[in-house]
């Protein structure tokens, strides 16, 4: 599988963090946002992130996540 990192990501590391968090959601029962032949949560998460279907926010130091 060749991964295409969208330009919106400032680093490969951030891309992996977002995909990993999404894969965890999928493992805990979240519905996939795309149709895929793969049943592996990590593969589905990478495809979703590549297609900008997973929103994320970069928090500044000391900033709290909205609930």
C-alpha atoms as a PDB file:
ATOM      1  CA  UNK A   1       0.000   0.000   0.000  1.00  0.00           C
ATOM      2  CA  UNK A   2       1.415   3.365  -1.027  1.00  0.00           C
ATOM      3  CA  UNK A   3       0.387   6.171   1.317  1.00  0.00           C
ATOM      4  CA  UNK A   4      -0.230   9.678  -0.004  1.00  0.00           C
ATOM      5  CA  UNK A   5       0.093  12.255   2.748  1.00  0.00           C
ATOM      6  CA  UNK A   6      -2.176  15.265   2.087  1.00  0.00           C
ATOM      7  CA  UNK A   7      -0.519  18.691   1.925  1.00  0.00           C
ATOM      8  CA  UNK A   8      -2.543  19.832   4.949  1.00  0.00           C
ATOM      9  CA  UNK A   9      -0.314  17.725   7.190  1.00  0.00           C
ATOM     10  CA  UNK A  10       2.863  19.403   8.363  1.00  0.00           C
ATOM     11  CA  UNK A  11       4.644  16.071   8.939  1.00  0.00           C
ATOM     12  CA  UNK A  12       4.420  12.324   8.408  1.00  0.00           C
ATOM     13  CA  UNK A  13       4.392  11.936  12.166  1.00  0.00           C
ATOM     14  CA  UNK A  14       1.160  13.942  12.526  1.00  0.00           C
ATOM     15  CA  UNK A  15      -0.428  11.923   9.708  1.00  0.00           C
ATOM     16  CA  UNK A  16       0.399   8.696  11.569  1.00  0.00           C
ATOM     17  CA  UNK A  17      -0.937  10.071  14.867  1.00  0.00           C
ATOM     18  CA  UNK A  18      -4.265  11.017  13.271  1.00  0.00           C
ATOM     19  CA  UNK A  19      -4.543   7.680  11.450  1.00  0.00           C
ATOM     20  CA  UNK A  20      -3.711   5.765  14.649  1.00  0.00           C
ATOM     21  CA  UNK A  21      -6.349   7.650  16.625  1.00  0.00           C
ATOM     22  CA  UNK A  22      -8.909   6.958  13.896  1.00  0.00           C
ATOM     23  CA  UNK A  23      -7.955   3.254  13.787  1.00  0.00           C
ATOM     24  CA  UNK A  24      -8.554   3.078  17.536  1.00  0.00           C
ATOM     25  CA  UNK A  25     -12.030   4.581  17.031  1.00  0.00           C
ATOM     26  CA  UNK A  26     -12.775   1.981  14.358  1.00  0.00           C
ATOM     27  CA  UNK A  27     -11.602  -0.830  16.645  1.00  0.00           C
ATOM     28  CA  UNK A  28     -14.024   0.398  19.304  1.00  0.00           C
ATOM     29  CA  UNK A  29     -16.992   0.282  16.909  1.00  0.00           C
ATOM     30  CA  UNK A  30     -17.037   3.612  15.061  1.00  0.00           C
ATOM     31  CA  UNK A  31     -18.540   3.223  11.577  1.00  0.00           C
ATOM     32  CA  UNK A  32     -16.115   3.596   8.643  1.00  0.00           C
ATOM     33  CA  UNK A  33     -16.464   6.765   6.564  1.00  0.00           C
ATOM     34  CA  UNK A  34     -15.509   5.000   3.328  1.00  0.00           C
ATOM     35  CA  UNK A  35     -16.202   1.699   1.622  1.00  0.00           C
ATOM     36  CA  UNK A  36     -13.093  -0.436   1.478  1.00  0.00           C
ATOM     37  CA  UNK A  37     -12.260  -4.008   0.553  1.00  0.00           C
ATOM     38  CA  UNK A  38     -10.015  -4.107   3.607  1.00  0.00           C
ATOM     39  CA  UNK A  39     -11.443  -4.997   7.005  1.00  0.00           C
ATOM     40  CA  UNK A  40      -8.330  -3.898   8.885  1.00  0.00           C
ATOM     41  CA  UNK A  41      -8.959  -0.774  11.005  1.00  0.00           C
ATOM     42  CA  UNK A  42      -5.460   0.607  10.319  1.00  0.00           C
ATOM     43  CA  UNK A  43      -5.865   0.337   6.541  1.00  0.00           C
ATOM     44  CA  UNK A  44      -9.316   1.914   6.614  1.00  0.00           C
ATOM     45  CA  UNK A  45      -8.035   4.726   8.856  1.00  0.00           C
ATOM     46  CA  UNK A  46      -5.134   5.515   6.516  1.00  0.00           C
ATOM     47  CA  UNK A  47      -7.514   5.695   3.537  1.00  0.00           C
ATOM     48  CA  UNK A  48      -9.891   7.967   5.456  1.00  0.00           C
ATOM     49  CA  UNK A  49      -7.091  10.306   6.503  1.00  0.00           C
ATOM     50  CA  UNK A  50      -5.676  10.376   2.956  1.00  0.00           C
ATOM     51  CA  UNK A  51      -9.091  11.516   1.716  1.00  0.00           C
ATOM     52  CA  UNK A  52      -9.354  14.217   4.422  1.00  0.00           C
ATOM     53  CA  UNK A  53     -12.374  12.538   6.015  1.00  0.00           C
ATOM     54  CA  UNK A  54     -10.949  12.718   9.535  1.00  0.00           C
ATOM     55  CA  UNK A  55     -11.014  16.190  11.110  1.00  0.00           C
ATOM     56  CA  UNK A  56      -8.305  17.080  13.613  1.00  0.00           C
ATOM     57  CA  UNK A  57      -7.193  20.136  15.572  1.00  0.00           C
ATOM     58  CA  UNK A  58      -3.662  21.039  16.611  1.00  0.00           C
ATOM     59  CA  UNK A  59      -3.753  22.321  20.176  1.00  0.00           C
ATOM     60  CA  UNK A  60      -1.313  24.966  21.365  1.00  0.00           C
ATOM     61  CA  UNK A  61       0.632  24.366  24.587  1.00  0.00           C
ATOM     62  CA  UNK A  62      -1.676  24.818  27.565  1.00  0.00           C
ATOM     63  CA  UNK A  63      -4.809  24.759  25.401  1.00  0.00           C
ATOM     64  CA  UNK A  64      -7.506  22.279  26.401  1.00  0.00           C
ATOM     65  CA  UNK A  65      -9.465  20.041  24.053  1.00  0.00           C
ATOM     66  CA  UNK A  66     -13.128  21.012  23.599  1.00  0.00           C
ATOM     67  CA  UNK A  67     -15.593  18.426  24.881  1.00  0.00           C
END
